[in-house]
């Protein structure tokens, strides 16, 4: 069993913790974004803890508020943008679908 406290920018699940999963805790200021990216061969789950985000996945945009979970399918280009008036705090976890792609 692994237990970690949430710290901004911290890797929650890393190479030494799991063979197939990675994760972290992100805090974005108003207007900040992660930037478009693709988690190749990995599914991703994003859990909004506080704030309001615009989630862009491929050609779809959704406003997501705290206590919501978003699933990003593998090979999907996506971005997270803080569109609220307070910090956006969320946790992400990726799970590898290809055990060779560590």
C-alpha atoms as a PDB file:
ATOM      1  CA  UNK A   1       0.000   0.000   0.000  1.00  0.00           C
ATOM      2  CA  UNK A   2       1.182   3.524  -0.822  1.00  0.00           C
ATOM      3  CA  UNK A   3      -0.055   6.672   0.935  1.00  0.00           C
ATOM      4  CA  UNK A   4       1.084  10.177  -0.053  1.00  0.00           C
ATOM      5  CA  UNK A   5      -0.014  13.685   0.863  1.00  0.00           C
ATOM      6  CA  UNK A   6      -1.116  15.968  -1.994  1.00  0.00           C
ATOM      7  CA  UNK A   7       1.541  18.602  -2.725  1.00  0.00           C
ATOM      8  CA  UNK A   8       1.364  21.000  -5.668  1.00  0.00           C
ATOM      9  CA  UNK A   9       3.296  19.718  -8.668  1.00  0.00           C
ATOM     10  CA  UNK A  10       4.064  16.472  -6.878  1.00  0.00           C
ATOM     11  CA  UNK A  11       4.255  13.118  -8.604  1.00  0.00           C
ATOM     12  CA  UNK A  12       1.782  10.955  -6.765  1.00  0.00           C
ATOM     13  CA  UNK A  13       2.453   7.669  -8.513  1.00  0.00           C
ATOM     14  CA  UNK A  14       5.836   7.337 -10.148  1.00  0.00           C
ATOM     15  CA  UNK A  15       8.185   4.782 -11.649  1.00  0.00           C
ATOM     16  CA  UNK A  16       9.098   3.315  -8.274  1.00  0.00           C
ATOM     17  CA  UNK A  17       5.465   3.051  -7.141  1.00  0.00           C
ATOM     18  CA  UNK A  18       3.655   1.280  -9.993  1.00  0.00           C
ATOM     19  CA  UNK A  19       4.449  -0.620 -13.158  1.00  0.00           C
ATOM     20  CA  UNK A  20       1.523   0.737 -15.224  1.00  0.00           C
ATOM     21  CA  UNK A  21       0.210   3.888 -13.529  1.00  0.00           C
ATOM     22  CA  UNK A  22       1.518   7.432 -13.130  1.00  0.00           C
ATOM     23  CA  UNK A  23      -0.165  10.382 -11.476  1.00  0.00           C
ATOM     24  CA  UNK A  24       0.232  13.842 -10.054  1.00  0.00           C
ATOM     25  CA  UNK A  25      -1.383  16.805  -8.330  1.00  0.00           C
ATOM     26  CA  UNK A  26      -1.705  20.003 -10.385  1.00  0.00           C
ATOM     27  CA  UNK A  27      -2.576  23.564  -9.374  1.00  0.00           C
ATOM     28  CA  UNK A  28      -3.276  26.124 -12.124  1.00  0.00           C
ATOM     29  CA  UNK A  29      -3.819  29.847 -11.586  1.00  0.00           C
ATOM     30  CA  UNK A  30      -6.725  31.595 -13.318  1.00  0.00           C
ATOM     31  CA  UNK A  31      -6.089  31.553 -17.082  1.00  0.00           C
ATOM     32  CA  UNK A  32      -3.261  29.004 -16.906  1.00  0.00           C
ATOM     33  CA  UNK A  33      -3.367  25.795 -18.907  1.00  0.00           C
ATOM     34  CA  UNK A  34      -1.430  22.573 -19.105  1.00  0.00           C
ATOM     35  CA  UNK A  35      -1.047  22.777 -22.889  1.00  0.00           C
ATOM     36  CA  UNK A  36      -2.222  20.402 -25.594  1.00  0.00           C
ATOM     37  CA  UNK A  37      -0.703  16.969 -25.216  1.00  0.00           C
ATOM     38  CA  UNK A  38      -1.377  13.300 -25.862  1.00  0.00           C
ATOM     39  CA  UNK A  39      -0.765  10.487 -23.400  1.00  0.00           C
ATOM     40  CA  UNK A  40       0.108   7.877 -26.007  1.00  0.00           C
ATOM     41  CA  UNK A  41      -0.973   4.334 -25.192  1.00  0.00           C
ATOM     42  CA  UNK A  42      -2.375   5.556 -21.862  1.00  0.00           C
ATOM     43  CA  UNK A  43      -5.821   6.284 -20.560  1.00  0.00           C
ATOM     44  CA  UNK A  44      -6.089   9.221 -18.172  1.00  0.00           C
ATOM     45  CA  UNK A  45      -8.466  10.077 -15.367  1.00  0.00           C
ATOM     46  CA  UNK A  46      -8.692  13.668 -14.121  1.00  0.00           C
ATOM     47  CA  UNK A  47     -10.433  14.430 -10.828  1.00  0.00           C
ATOM     48  CA  UNK A  48     -11.268  18.099 -10.252  1.00  0.00           C
ATOM     49  CA  UNK A  49     -10.839  18.840  -6.541  1.00  0.00           C
ATOM     50  CA  UNK A  50     -11.362  22.620  -6.548  1.00  0.00           C
ATOM     51  CA  UNK A  51     -12.176  25.257  -9.147  1.00  0.00           C
ATOM     52  CA  UNK A  52     -13.545  25.291 -12.687  1.00  0.00           C
ATOM     53  CA  UNK A  53     -11.789  23.870 -15.735  1.00  0.00           C
ATOM     54  CA  UNK A  54     -12.366  23.811 -19.443  1.00  0.00           C
ATOM     55  CA  UNK A  55     -11.418  20.350 -20.653  1.00  0.00           C
ATOM     56  CA  UNK A  56     -10.648  20.134 -24.352  1.00  0.00           C
ATOM     57  CA  UNK A  57     -10.406  16.613 -25.745  1.00  0.00           C
ATOM     58  CA  UNK A  58      -9.976  16.264 -29.493  1.00  0.00           C
ATOM     59  CA  UNK A  59     -12.792  18.508 -30.875  1.00  0.00           C
ATOM     60  CA  UNK A  60     -14.941  18.523 -27.739  1.00  0.00           C
ATOM     61  CA  UNK A  61     -14.924  21.188 -24.999  1.00  0.00           C
ATOM     62  CA  UNK A  62     -16.621  20.858 -21.609  1.00  0.00           C
ATOM     63  CA  UNK A  63     -16.724  23.005 -18.483  1.00  0.00           C
ATOM     64  CA  UNK A  64     -15.994  20.818 -15.461  1.00  0.00           C
ATOM     65  CA  UNK A  65     -16.332  21.838 -11.829  1.00  0.00           C
ATOM     66  CA  UNK A  66     -15.022  20.467  -8.552  1.00  0.00           C
ATOM     67  CA  UNK A  67     -15.925  16.925  -7.548  1.00  0.00           C
ATOM     68  CA  UNK A  68     -16.085  15.807 -11.199  1.00  0.00           C
ATOM     69  CA  UNK A  69     -14.138  13.021 -12.868  1.00  0.00           C
ATOM     70  CA  UNK A  70     -13.106  13.064 -16.530  1.00  0.00           C
ATOM     71  CA  UNK A  71     -11.875  10.038 -18.502  1.00  0.00           C
ATOM     72  CA  UNK A  72      -9.518  10.753 -21.428  1.00  0.00           C
ATOM     73  CA  UNK A  73      -9.244   7.839 -23.896  1.00  0.00           C
ATOM     74  CA  UNK A  74      -5.834   6.699 -25.108  1.00  0.00           C
ATOM     75  CA  UNK A  75      -4.142   8.663 -27.903  1.00  0.00           C
ATOM     76  CA  UNK A  76      -6.484  11.666 -27.441  1.00  0.00           C
ATOM     77  CA  UNK A  77      -5.060  15.175 -27.672  1.00  0.00           C
ATOM     78  CA  UNK A  78      -6.313  17.153 -24.692  1.00  0.00           C
ATOM     79  CA  UNK A  79      -5.780  20.246 -22.570  1.00  0.00           C
ATOM     80  CA  UNK A  80      -6.875  21.511 -19.143  1.00  0.00           C
ATOM     81  CA  UNK A  81      -7.505  25.259 -18.737  1.00  0.00           C
ATOM     82  CA  UNK A  82      -8.436  27.109 -15.549  1.00  0.00           C
ATOM     83  CA  UNK A  83     -11.464  29.244 -16.500  1.00  0.00           C
ATOM     84  CA  UNK A  84     -12.508  30.003 -12.919  1.00  0.00           C
ATOM     85  CA  UNK A  85     -11.659  32.914 -10.659  1.00  0.00           C
ATOM     86  CA  UNK A  86      -9.723  30.833  -8.121  1.00  0.00           C
ATOM     87  CA  UNK A  87      -6.943  28.222  -8.384  1.00  0.00           C
ATOM     88  CA  UNK A  88      -7.846  24.987 -10.156  1.00  0.00           C
ATOM     89  CA  UNK A  89      -6.670  21.911  -8.243  1.00  0.00           C
ATOM     90  CA  UNK A  90      -6.858  18.443  -9.727  1.00  0.00           C
ATOM     91  CA  UNK A  91      -5.333  15.002  -9.618  1.00  0.00           C
ATOM     92  CA  UNK A  92      -4.528  13.026 -12.744  1.00  0.00           C
ATOM     93  CA  UNK A  93      -3.751   9.340 -13.095  1.00  0.00           C
ATOM     94  CA  UNK A  94      -2.625   7.650 -16.284  1.00  0.00           C
ATOM     95  CA  UNK A  95      -2.699   3.920 -16.852  1.00  0.00           C
ATOM     96  CA  UNK A  96      -0.574   2.301 -19.523  1.00  0.00           C
ATOM     97  CA  UNK A  97      -2.306   0.026 -21.982  1.00  0.00           C
ATOM     98  CA  UNK A  98       0.987  -1.153 -23.428  1.00  0.00           C
ATOM     99  CA  UNK A  99       3.206  -2.754 -20.799  1.00  0.00           C
ATOM    100  CA  UNK A 100       6.254  -2.204 -23.015  1.00  0.00           C
ATOM    101  CA  UNK A 101       5.754   1.614 -23.030  1.00  0.00           C
ATOM    102  CA  UNK A 102       7.071   2.419 -19.551  1.00  0.00           C
END
